[in-house]
C-alpha atoms as a PDB file:
ATOM      1  CA  SER A   1     172.179 210.648 113.847  1.00  0.00           C
ATOM      2  CA  CYS A   2     170.903 213.165 116.292  1.00  0.00           C
ATOM      3  CA  LYS A   3     174.678 213.977 117.220  1.00  0.00           C
ATOM      4  CA  VAL A   4     175.405 216.387 114.539  1.00  0.00           C
ATOM      5  CA  PHE A   5     172.736 218.968 116.202  1.00  0.00           C
ATOM      6  CA  TYR A   6     172.879 217.735 119.913  1.00  0.00           C
ATOM      7  CA  ALA A   7     176.112 216.136 120.897  1.00  0.00           C
ATOM      8  CA  LYS A   8     175.317 215.337 124.381  1.00  0.00           C
ATOM      9  CA  ASP A   9     171.790 215.218 124.701  1.00  0.00           C
ATOM     10  CA  PRO A  10     169.423 214.684 121.699  1.00  0.00           C
ATOM     11  CA  LEU A  11     165.781 216.004 121.642  1.00  0.00           C
ATOM     12  CA  LYS A  12     162.924 213.847 121.651  1.00  0.00           C
ATOM     13  CA  ILE A  13     160.160 215.950 119.950  1.00  0.00           C
ATOM     14  CA  ILE A  14     156.813 214.142 120.138  1.00  0.00           C
ATOM     15  CA  ARG A  15     154.496 217.055 118.364  1.00  0.00           C
ATOM     16  CA  ALA A  16     154.476 220.382 117.008  1.00  0.00           C
ATOM     17  CA  GLN A  17     151.847 223.204 116.668  1.00  0.00           C
ATOM     18  CA  GLY A  18     152.543 226.548 114.351  1.00  0.00           C
ATOM     19  CA  GLN A  19     156.126 227.499 114.781  1.00  0.00           C
ATOM     20  CA  TYR A  20     156.755 225.454 118.042  1.00  0.00           C
ATOM     21  CA  MET A  21     157.995 221.902 118.723  1.00  0.00           C
ATOM     22  CA  PHE A  22     157.522 220.092 122.018  1.00  0.00           C
ATOM     23  CA  ASP A  23     159.369 217.316 123.583  1.00  0.00           C
ATOM     24  CA  GLU A  24     158.435 214.534 125.890  1.00  0.00           C
ATOM     25  CA  LYS A  25     158.601 216.698 129.026  1.00  0.00           C
ATOM     26  CA  GLY A  26     156.591 219.501 127.526  1.00  0.00           C
ATOM     27  CA  GLU A  27     159.324 221.694 126.863  1.00  0.00           C
ATOM     28  CA  LYS A  28     158.591 224.110 124.104  1.00  0.00           C
ATOM     29  CA  TYR A  29     161.236 225.129 121.425  1.00  0.00           C
ATOM     30  CA  LEU A  30     160.953 227.608 118.414  1.00  0.00           C
ATOM     31  CA  ASP A  31     161.836 225.612 115.376  1.00  0.00           C
ATOM     32  CA  CYS A  32     164.266 227.351 112.887  1.00  0.00           C
ATOM     33  CA  ILE A  33     164.947 224.336 110.921  1.00  0.00           C
ATOM     34  CA  ASN A  34     162.020 222.336 109.576  1.00  0.00           C
ATOM     35  CA  ASN A  35     160.761 225.138 106.911  1.00  0.00           C
ATOM     36  CA  VAL A  36     157.786 226.136 109.092  1.00  0.00           C
ATOM     37  CA  ALA A  37     158.105 229.605 108.227  1.00  0.00           C
ATOM     38  CA  HIS A  38     155.692 228.814 105.421  1.00  0.00           C
ATOM     39  CA  VAL A  39     152.587 227.772 107.424  1.00  0.00           C
ATOM     40  CA  GLY A  40     153.753 226.128 110.489  1.00  0.00           C
ATOM     41  CA  HIS A  41     153.164 222.769 111.968  1.00  0.00           C
ATOM     42  CA  SER A  42     149.722 221.216 112.059  1.00  0.00           C
ATOM     43  CA  HIS A  43     148.073 224.161 110.168  1.00  0.00           C
ATOM     44  CA  PRO A  44     144.440 223.543 109.719  1.00  0.00           C
ATOM     45  CA  TYR A  45     144.389 224.313 105.940  1.00  0.00           C
ATOM     46  CA  VAL A  46     147.172 222.091 105.043  1.00  0.00           C
ATOM     47  CA  ILE A  47     145.778 218.907 107.083  1.00  0.00           C
ATOM     48  CA  LYS A  48     142.436 219.579 105.408  1.00  0.00           C
ATOM     49  CA  ALA A  49     143.928 219.589 102.002  1.00  0.00           C
ATOM     50  CA  ALA A  50     146.075 216.624 102.882  1.00  0.00           C
ATOM     51  CA  THR A  51     143.344 214.570 104.143  1.00  0.00           C
ATOM     52  CA  LYS A  52     141.204 215.416 101.108  1.00  0.00           C
ATOM     53  CA  GLN A  53     144.221 214.149  98.743  1.00  0.00           C
ATOM     54  CA  MET A  54     144.781 211.064 100.779  1.00  0.00           C
ATOM     55  CA  GLU A  55     141.040 210.026 100.654  1.00  0.00           C
ATOM     56  CA  LEU A  56     141.479 210.254  97.013  1.00  0.00           C
ATOM     57  CA  LEU A  57     145.002 208.979  96.301  1.00  0.00           C
ATOM     58  CA  ASN A  58     147.722 208.442  98.684  1.00  0.00           C
ATOM     59  CA  THR A  59     151.138 207.905  96.577  1.00  0.00           C
ATOM     60  CA  ASN A  60     153.938 210.069  95.581  1.00  0.00           C
ATOM     61  CA  SER A  61     154.835 211.634  92.362  1.00  0.00           C
ATOM     62  CA  ARG A  62     156.142 208.878  90.803  1.00  0.00           C
ATOM     63  CA  PHE A  63     152.637 208.043  88.775  1.00  0.00           C
ATOM     64  CA  LEU A  64     150.740 210.221  86.464  1.00  0.00           C
ATOM     65  CA  HIS A  65     147.641 212.119  88.007  1.00  0.00           C
ATOM     66  CA  ASP A  66     145.666 215.076  86.390  1.00  0.00           C
ATOM     67  CA  ASN A  67     146.151 216.904  89.803  1.00  0.00           C
ATOM     68  CA  LEU A  68     150.011 216.786  89.214  1.00  0.00           C
ATOM     69  CA  VAL A  69     149.475 218.455  85.273  1.00  0.00           C
ATOM     70  CA  GLN A  70     146.972 221.051  86.972  1.00  0.00           C
ATOM     71  CA  TYR A  71     149.300 221.848  89.815  1.00  0.00           C
ATOM     72  CA  ALA A  72     152.442 222.257  87.368  1.00  0.00           C
ATOM     73  CA  GLN A  73     150.094 224.459  85.023  1.00  0.00           C
ATOM     74  CA  ARG A  74     148.928 226.828  87.812  1.00  0.00           C
ATOM     75  CA  LEU A  75     152.529 227.194  89.155  1.00  0.00           C
ATOM     76  CA  THR A  76     154.223 227.807  85.965  1.00  0.00           C
ATOM     77  CA  ALA A  77     151.344 230.519  85.178  1.00  0.00           C
ATOM     78  CA  THR A  78     152.718 232.716  88.026  1.00  0.00           C
ATOM     79  CA  LEU A  79     156.487 232.391  86.642  1.00  0.00           C
ATOM     80  CA  PRO A  80     158.553 233.595  83.856  1.00  0.00           C
ATOM     81  CA  GLU A  81     158.127 231.936  80.653  1.00  0.00           C
ATOM     82  CA  LYS A  82     161.208 230.483  80.750  1.00  0.00           C
ATOM     83  CA  LEU A  83     160.593 228.834  83.986  1.00  0.00           C
ATOM     84  CA  SER A  84     158.015 226.373  82.404  1.00  0.00           C
ATOM     85  CA  VAL A  85     158.972 222.960  83.466  1.00  0.00           C
ATOM     86  CA  CYS A  86     158.123 221.455  86.747  1.00  0.00           C
ATOM     87  CA  TYR A  87     160.086 218.570  88.580  1.00  0.00           C
ATOM     88  CA  PHE A  88     158.145 217.053  91.475  1.00  0.00           C
ATOM     89  CA  VAL A  89     160.340 215.204  93.939  1.00  0.00           C
ATOM     90  CA  ASN A  90     159.635 213.835  97.116  1.00  0.00           C
ATOM     91  CA  SER A  91     162.159 215.586  99.486  1.00  0.00           C
ATOM     92  CA  GLY A  92     164.538 218.202  99.819  1.00  0.00           C
ATOM     93  CA  SER A  93     167.162 215.909  99.608  1.00  0.00           C
ATOM     94  CA  GLU A  94     165.920 214.769  96.478  1.00  0.00           C
ATOM     95  CA  ALA A  95     165.402 218.350  95.259  1.00  0.00           C
ATOM     96  CA  ASN A  96     169.134 218.977  95.775  1.00  0.00           C
ATOM     97  CA  ASP A  97     170.252 215.915  93.877  1.00  0.00           C
ATOM     98  CA  LEU A  98     168.217 216.827  91.084  1.00  0.00           C
ATOM     99  CA  ALA A  99     169.399 219.985  91.098  1.00  0.00           C
ATOM    100  CA  LEU A 100     173.050 219.026  91.119  1.00  0.00           C
ATOM    101  CA  ARG A 101     172.613 216.690  88.436  1.00  0.00           C
ATOM    102  CA  LEU A 102     170.814 219.217  86.274  1.00  0.00           C
ATOM    103  CA  ALA A 103     173.389 221.691  86.534  1.00  0.00           C
ATOM    104  CA  ARG A 104     176.077 219.288  86.023  1.00  0.00           C
ATOM    105  CA  GLN A 105     174.509 218.447  82.679  1.00  0.00           C
ATOM    106  CA  TYR A 106     173.690 221.719  81.631  1.00  0.00           C
ATOM    107  CA  ARG A 107     177.210 223.153  82.667  1.00  0.00           C
ATOM    108  CA  GLY A 108     179.475 219.912  81.766  1.00  0.00           C
ATOM    109  CA  HIS A 109     181.348 220.527  85.099  1.00  0.00           C
ATOM    110  CA  GLN A 110     181.446 218.195  87.915  1.00  0.00           C
ATOM    111  CA  ASP A 111     182.885 221.004  90.679  1.00  0.00           C
ATOM    112  CA  VAL A 112     180.712 222.166  93.517  1.00  0.00           C
ATOM    113  CA  ILE A 113     181.018 224.762  95.974  1.00  0.00           C
ATOM    114  CA  THR A 114     178.612 224.615  98.999  1.00  0.00           C
ATOM    115  CA  LEU A 115     178.471 226.017 102.560  1.00  0.00           C
ATOM    116  CA  GLU A 116     179.064 223.709 105.741  1.00  0.00           C
END
């Protein structure tokens, strides 16, 4: 599957820190793909928050939990009133799929324009 990005010699990435990823030979690469612009890989605050949550409950958003409701309330409080519904999903692919299905339902069209 890596042939999409690296036709001849796929990278074997074994760790990441901040905005960099490192291969099995110790080569450093600037990560411009994995949405690290927000906080970077292995950010201590994110690790601490994730660890705290996993000590309490380690699951995805298919089950109800007060933290999901509280997060949705905090998030929507920062947005215009029309943006008052949250959909929590597991991945970018799942988010794209949901957005496409919602748009098709709302508009009543099946056509899609996308960039390659």
